[in-house]
């Protein structure tokens, strides 16, 4: 049994998308929006991005890809 293939099949069956916070943060920074600039400043300074911001990015992405 190949676990990786089984997981991929289940993801397709249930229409699950994989969301990685680093990808969401990277996309936000690359968007050059005000929020992206703020995130870039935080991360460049080595500070943590607030969980509320990460959750907002996740929520927006899930709605966009629903």
PDB file of N, CA and C in Angstrom:
ATOM      1  N   UNK A   1       0.840  -1.183   0.000  1.00  0.00           N
ATOM      2  CA  UNK A   1       0.000   0.000   0.000  1.00  0.00           C
ATOM      3  C   UNK A   1       0.882   1.242   0.000  1.00  0.00           C
ATOM      4  N   UNK A   2       0.673   2.089  -0.956  1.00  0.00           N
ATOM      5  CA  UNK A   2       1.445   3.316  -1.060  1.00  0.00           C
ATOM      6  C   UNK A   2       0.663   4.442  -0.390  1.00  0.00           C
ATOM      7  N   UNK A   3       1.143   4.862   0.765  1.00  0.00           N
ATOM      8  CA  UNK A   3       0.431   5.874   1.550  1.00  0.00           C
ATOM      9  C   UNK A   3       0.272   7.175   0.783  1.00  0.00           C
ATOM     10  N   UNK A   4       1.307   7.587   0.072  1.00  0.00           N
ATOM     11  CA  UNK A   4       1.268   8.846  -0.663  1.00  0.00           C
ATOM     12  C   UNK A   4       0.163   8.832  -1.710  1.00  0.00           C
ATOM     13  N   UNK A   5       0.073   7.757  -2.481  1.00  0.00           N
ATOM     14  CA  UNK A   5      -0.971   7.658  -3.502  1.00  0.00           C
ATOM     15  C   UNK A   5      -2.356   7.591  -2.880  1.00  0.00           C
ATOM     16  N   UNK A   6      -2.479   6.881  -1.755  1.00  0.00           N
ATOM     17  CA  UNK A   6      -3.769   6.795  -1.074  1.00  0.00           C
ATOM     18  C   UNK A   6      -4.211   8.172  -0.609  1.00  0.00           C
ATOM     19  N   UNK A   7      -3.295   8.932  -0.046  1.00  0.00           N
ATOM     20  CA  UNK A   7      -3.618  10.275   0.420  1.00  0.00           C
ATOM     21  C   UNK A   7      -4.025  11.168  -0.744  1.00  0.00           C
ATOM     22  N   UNK A   8      -3.312  11.096  -1.848  1.00  0.00           N
ATOM     23  CA  UNK A   8      -3.650  11.902  -3.019  1.00  0.00           C
ATOM     24  C   UNK A   8      -5.038  11.557  -3.539  1.00  0.00           C
ATOM     25  N   UNK A   9      -5.366  10.272  -3.563  1.00  0.00           N
ATOM     26  CA  UNK A   9      -6.683   9.829  -4.014  1.00  0.00           C
ATOM     27  C   UNK A   9      -7.768  10.360  -3.095  1.00  0.00           C
ATOM     28  N   UNK A  10      -7.543  10.292  -1.803  1.00  0.00           N
ATOM     29  CA  UNK A  10      -8.540  10.792  -0.849  1.00  0.00           C
ATOM     30  C   UNK A  10      -8.711  12.300  -0.977  1.00  0.00           C
ATOM     31  N   UNK A  11      -7.631  13.007  -1.184  1.00  0.00           N
ATOM     32  CA  UNK A  11      -7.728  14.452  -1.349  1.00  0.00           C
ATOM     33  C   UNK A  11      -8.589  14.785  -2.559  1.00  0.00           C
ATOM     34  N   UNK A  12      -8.410  14.052  -3.651  1.00  0.00           N
ATOM     35  CA  UNK A  12      -9.212  14.288  -4.850  1.00  0.00           C
ATOM     36  C   UNK A  12     -10.666  13.910  -4.611  1.00  0.00           C
ATOM     37  N   UNK A  13     -10.895  12.818  -3.903  1.00  0.00           N
ATOM     38  CA  UNK A  13     -12.249  12.344  -3.650  1.00  0.00           C
ATOM     39  C   UNK A  13     -13.050  13.320  -2.806  1.00  0.00           C
ATOM     40  N   UNK A  14     -12.399  13.953  -1.858  1.00  0.00           N
ATOM     41  CA  UNK A  14     -13.096  14.859  -0.955  1.00  0.00           C
ATOM     42  C   UNK A  14     -12.870  16.325  -1.309  1.00  0.00           C
ATOM     43  N   UNK A  15     -12.271  16.583  -2.465  1.00  0.00           N
ATOM     44  CA  UNK A  15     -12.012  17.942  -2.927  1.00  0.00           C
ATOM     45  C   UNK A  15     -11.218  18.750  -1.898  1.00  0.00           C
ATOM     46  N   UNK A  16     -10.219  18.131  -1.316  1.00  0.00           N
ATOM     47  CA  UNK A  16      -9.391  18.795  -0.319  1.00  0.00           C
ATOM     48  C   UNK A  16      -8.215  19.482  -0.994  1.00  0.00           C
ATOM     49  N   UNK A  17      -7.946  20.671  -0.557  1.00  0.00           N
ATOM     50  CA  UNK A  17      -6.779  21.398  -1.033  1.00  0.00           C
ATOM     51  C   UNK A  17      -5.771  21.481   0.094  1.00  0.00           C
ATOM     52  N   UNK A  18      -4.538  21.493  -0.272  1.00  0.00           N
ATOM     53  CA  UNK A  18      -3.473  21.607   0.721  1.00  0.00           C
ATOM     54  C   UNK A  18      -3.049  23.068   0.803  1.00  0.00           C
ATOM     55  N   UNK A  19      -3.123  23.605   1.984  1.00  0.00           N
ATOM     56  CA  UNK A  19      -2.743  24.990   2.197  1.00  0.00           C
ATOM     57  C   UNK A  19      -1.553  25.030   3.137  1.00  0.00           C
ATOM     58  N   UNK A  20      -0.476  25.576   2.672  1.00  0.00           N
ATOM     59  CA  UNK A  20       0.710  25.723   3.499  1.00  0.00           C
ATOM     60  C   UNK A  20       0.864  27.195   3.841  1.00  0.00           C
ATOM     61  N   UNK A  21       1.017  27.469   5.122  1.00  0.00           N
ATOM     62  CA  UNK A  21       1.080  28.869   5.531  1.00  0.00           C
ATOM     63  C   UNK A  21       2.240  29.607   4.881  1.00  0.00           C
ATOM     64  N   UNK A  22       3.342  28.924   4.640  1.00  0.00           N
ATOM     65  CA  UNK A  22       4.474  29.634   4.026  1.00  0.00           C
ATOM     66  C   UNK A  22       4.131  30.066   2.602  1.00  0.00           C
ATOM     67  N   UNK A  23       3.357  29.239   1.890  1.00  0.00           N
ATOM     68  CA  UNK A  23       2.955  29.603   0.532  1.00  0.00           C
ATOM     69  C   UNK A  23       1.979  30.776   0.539  1.00  0.00           C
ATOM     70  N   UNK A  24       1.063  30.769   1.509  1.00  0.00           N
ATOM     71  CA  UNK A  24       0.108  31.871   1.621  1.00  0.00           C
ATOM     72  C   UNK A  24       0.823  33.174   1.969  1.00  0.00           C
ATOM     73  N   UNK A  25       1.772  33.092   2.892  1.00  0.00           N
ATOM     74  CA  UNK A  25       2.531  34.285   3.277  1.00  0.00           C
ATOM     75  C   UNK A  25       3.381  34.787   2.112  1.00  0.00           C
ATOM     76  N   UNK A  26       4.005  33.872   1.412  1.00  0.00           N
ATOM     77  CA  UNK A  26       4.843  34.253   0.262  1.00  0.00           C
ATOM     78  C   UNK A  26       3.994  34.951  -0.806  1.00  0.00           C
ATOM     79  N   UNK A  27       2.817  34.402  -1.077  1.00  0.00           N
ATOM     80  CA  UNK A  27       1.930  35.002  -2.076  1.00  0.00           C
ATOM     81  C   UNK A  27       1.465  36.387  -1.637  1.00  0.00           C
ATOM     82  N   UNK A  28       1.181  36.539  -0.353  1.00  0.00           N
ATOM     83  CA  UNK A  28       0.749  37.845   0.160  1.00  0.00           C
ATOM     84  C   UNK A  28       1.858  38.875  -0.001  1.00  0.00           C
ATOM     85  N   UNK A  29       3.085  38.494   0.303  1.00  0.00           N
ATOM     86  CA  UNK A  29       4.220  39.412   0.163  1.00  0.00           C
ATOM     87  C   UNK A  29       4.424  39.770  -1.310  1.00  0.00           C
ATOM     88  N   UNK A  30       4.323  38.800  -2.187  1.00  0.00           N
ATOM     89  CA  UNK A  30       4.541  39.043  -3.613  1.00  0.00           C
ATOM     90  C   UNK A  30       3.427  39.875  -4.245  1.00  0.00           C
ATOM     91  N   UNK A  31       2.271  39.951  -3.567  1.00  0.00           N
ATOM     92  CA  UNK A  31       1.152  40.719  -4.109  1.00  0.00           C
ATOM     93  C   UNK A  31       1.394  42.225  -4.055  1.00  0.00           C
ATOM     94  N   UNK A  32       2.385  42.640  -3.246  1.00  0.00           N
ATOM     95  CA  UNK A  32       2.755  44.057  -3.108  1.00  0.00           C
ATOM     96  C   UNK A  32       1.610  44.914  -2.565  1.00  0.00           C
ATOM     97  N   UNK A  33       0.662  44.306  -1.845  1.00  0.00           N
ATOM     98  CA  UNK A  33      -0.405  45.063  -1.198  1.00  0.00           C
ATOM     99  C   UNK A  33       0.130  45.649   0.103  1.00  0.00           C
ATOM    100  N   UNK A  34      -0.682  46.477   0.743  1.00  0.00           N
ATOM    101  CA  UNK A  34      -0.275  47.050   2.027  1.00  0.00           C
ATOM    102  C   UNK A  34      -0.040  45.938   3.045  1.00  0.00           C
ATOM    103  N   UNK A  35      -0.935  44.962   3.064  1.00  0.00           N
ATOM    104  CA  UNK A  35      -0.764  43.842   3.995  1.00  0.00           C
ATOM    105  C   UNK A  35       0.501  43.061   3.659  1.00  0.00           C
ATOM    106  N   UNK A  36       0.752  42.858   2.377  1.00  0.00           N
ATOM    107  CA  UNK A  36       1.959  42.157   1.965  1.00  0.00           C
ATOM    108  C   UNK A  36       3.223  42.869   2.404  1.00  0.00           C
ATOM    109  N   UNK A  37       3.221  44.184   2.299  1.00  0.00           N
ATOM    110  CA  UNK A  37       4.377  44.970   2.738  1.00  0.00           C
ATOM    111  C   UNK A  37       4.567  44.863   4.252  1.00  0.00           C
ATOM    112  N   UNK A  38       3.454  44.874   5.001  1.00  0.00           N
ATOM    113  CA  UNK A  38       3.537  44.738   6.458  1.00  0.00           C
ATOM    114  C   UNK A  38       4.074  43.358   6.841  1.00  0.00           C
ATOM    115  N   UNK A  39       3.591  42.334   6.149  1.00  0.00           N
ATOM    116  CA  UNK A  39       4.074  40.975   6.417  1.00  0.00           C
ATOM    117  C   UNK A  39       5.558  40.859   6.095  1.00  0.00           C
ATOM    118  N   UNK A  40       5.965  41.450   4.992  1.00  0.00           N
ATOM    119  CA  UNK A  40       7.373  41.406   4.611  1.00  0.00           C
ATOM    120  C   UNK A  40       8.240  42.066   5.675  1.00  0.00           C
ATOM    121  N   UNK A  41       7.789  43.199   6.194  1.00  0.00           N
ATOM    122  CA  UNK A  41       8.550  43.897   7.234  1.00  0.00           C
ATOM    123  C   UNK A  41       8.661  43.041   8.493  1.00  0.00           C
ATOM    124  N   UNK A  42       7.562  42.405   8.885  1.00  0.00           N
ATOM    125  CA  UNK A  42       7.586  41.533  10.064  1.00  0.00           C
ATOM    126  C   UNK A  42       8.570  40.383   9.884  1.00  0.00           C
ATOM    127  N   UNK A  43       8.445  39.699   8.751  1.00  0.00           N
ATOM    128  CA  UNK A  43       9.268  38.509   8.523  1.00  0.00           C
ATOM    129  C   UNK A  43      10.735  38.871   8.334  1.00  0.00           C
ATOM    130  N   UNK A  44      11.010  39.995   7.675  1.00  0.00           N
ATOM    131  CA  UNK A  44      12.388  40.437   7.487  1.00  0.00           C
ATOM    132  C   UNK A  44      13.041  40.756   8.828  1.00  0.00           C
ATOM    133  N   UNK A  45      12.228  41.276   9.754  1.00  0.00           N
ATOM    134  CA  UNK A  45      12.731  41.598  11.093  1.00  0.00           C
ATOM    135  C   UNK A  45      12.822  40.358  11.983  1.00  0.00           C
ATOM    136  N   UNK A  46      12.410  39.216  11.446  1.00  0.00           N
ATOM    137  CA  UNK A  46      12.487  37.975  12.211  1.00  0.00           C
ATOM    138  C   UNK A  46      11.372  37.806  13.226  1.00  0.00           C
ATOM    139  N   UNK A  47      10.306  38.573  13.058  1.00  0.00           N
ATOM    140  CA  UNK A  47       9.182  38.494  13.988  1.00  0.00           C
ATOM    141  C   UNK A  47       8.146  37.495  13.478  1.00  0.00           C
ATOM    142  N   UNK A  48       7.337  37.009  14.392  1.00  0.00           N
ATOM    143  CA  UNK A  48       6.271  36.080  14.032  1.00  0.00           C
ATOM    144  C   UNK A  48       5.081  36.836  13.454  1.00  0.00           C
ATOM    145  N   UNK A  49       4.463  36.240  12.454  1.00  0.00           N
ATOM    146  CA  UNK A  49       3.229  36.794  11.906  1.00  0.00           C
ATOM    147  C   UNK A  49       2.101  36.383  12.844  1.00  0.00           C
ATOM    148  N   UNK A  50       1.250  37.325  13.245  1.00  0.00           N
ATOM    149  CA  UNK A  50       0.158  36.979  14.159  1.00  0.00           C
ATOM    150  C   UNK A  50      -0.744  35.882  13.581  1.00  0.00           C
ATOM    151  N   UNK A  51      -1.181  34.987  14.444  1.00  0.00           N
ATOM    152  CA  UNK A  51      -2.017  33.869  14.016  1.00  0.00           C
ATOM    153  C   UNK A  51      -3.287  34.354  13.323  1.00  0.00           C
ATOM    154  N   UNK A  52      -3.844  35.478  13.769  1.00  0.00           N
ATOM    155  CA  UNK A  52      -5.061  36.009  13.157  1.00  0.00           C
ATOM    156  C   UNK A  52      -4.838  36.321  11.678  1.00  0.00           C
ATOM    157  N   UNK A  53      -3.659  36.824  11.364  1.00  0.00           N
ATOM    158  CA  UNK A  53      -3.336  37.156   9.974  1.00  0.00           C
ATOM    159  C   UNK A  53      -3.219  35.879   9.148  1.00  0.00           C
ATOM    160  N   UNK A  54      -2.552  34.878   9.685  1.00  0.00           N
ATOM    161  CA  UNK A  54      -2.407  33.598   8.979  1.00  0.00           C
ATOM    162  C   UNK A  54      -3.783  32.980   8.749  1.00  0.00           C
ATOM    163  N   UNK A  55      -4.636  33.023   9.762  1.00  0.00           N
ATOM    164  CA  UNK A  55      -5.983  32.461   9.623  1.00  0.00           C
ATOM    165  C   UNK A  55      -6.808  33.236   8.599  1.00  0.00           C
ATOM    166  N   UNK A  56      -6.652  34.560   8.558  1.00  0.00           N
ATOM    167  CA  UNK A  56      -7.348  35.359   7.545  1.00  0.00           C
ATOM    168  C   UNK A  56      -6.894  34.976   6.141  1.00  0.00           C
ATOM    169  N   UNK A  57      -5.594  34.792   5.959  1.00  0.00           N
ATOM    170  CA  UNK A  57      -5.068  34.378   4.651  1.00  0.00           C
ATOM    171  C   UNK A  57      -5.618  33.013   4.256  1.00  0.00           C
ATOM    172  N   UNK A  58      -5.651  32.104   5.204  1.00  0.00           N
ATOM    173  CA  UNK A  58      -6.176  30.764   4.951  1.00  0.00           C
ATOM    174  C   UNK A  58      -7.648  30.835   4.568  1.00  0.00           C
ATOM    175  N   UNK A  59      -8.416  31.596   5.318  1.00  0.00           N
ATOM    176  CA  UNK A  59      -9.851  31.735   5.049  1.00  0.00           C
ATOM    177  C   UNK A  59     -10.084  32.311   3.653  1.00  0.00           C
ATOM    178  N   UNK A  60      -9.375  33.384   3.318  1.00  0.00           N
ATOM    179  CA  UNK A  60      -9.519  34.011   2.007  1.00  0.00           C
ATOM    180  C   UNK A  60      -9.173  33.037   0.889  1.00  0.00           C
ATOM    181  N   UNK A  61      -8.120  32.267   1.077  1.00  0.00           N
ATOM    182  CA  UNK A  61      -7.701  31.316   0.056  1.00  0.00           C
ATOM    183  C   UNK A  61      -8.707  30.190  -0.105  1.00  0.00           C
ATOM    184  N   UNK A  62      -9.260  29.718   0.999  1.00  0.00           N
ATOM    185  CA  UNK A  62     -10.257  28.645   0.935  1.00  0.00           C
ATOM    186  C   UNK A  62     -11.522  29.127   0.231  1.00  0.00           C
ATOM    187  N   UNK A  63     -11.944  30.355   0.514  1.00  0.00           N
ATOM    188  CA  UNK A  63     -13.132  30.904  -0.142  1.00  0.00           C
ATOM    189  C   UNK A  63     -12.872  31.075  -1.637  1.00  0.00           C
ATOM    190  N   UNK A  64     -11.689  31.576  -1.976  1.00  0.00           N
ATOM    191  CA  UNK A  64     -11.331  31.790  -3.381  1.00  0.00           C
ATOM    192  C   UNK A  64     -11.321  30.482  -4.166  1.00  0.00           C
ATOM    193  N   UNK A  65     -10.899  29.404  -3.526  1.00  0.00           N
ATOM    194  CA  UNK A  65     -10.767  28.119  -4.215  1.00  0.00           C
ATOM    195  C   UNK A  65     -11.923  27.164  -3.955  1.00  0.00           C
ATOM    196  N   UNK A  66     -13.007  27.667  -3.391  1.00  0.00           N
ATOM    197  CA  UNK A  66     -14.149  26.794  -3.075  1.00  0.00           C
ATOM    198  C   UNK A  66     -14.890  26.389  -4.322  1.00  0.00           C
TER     199      UNK A  66
END
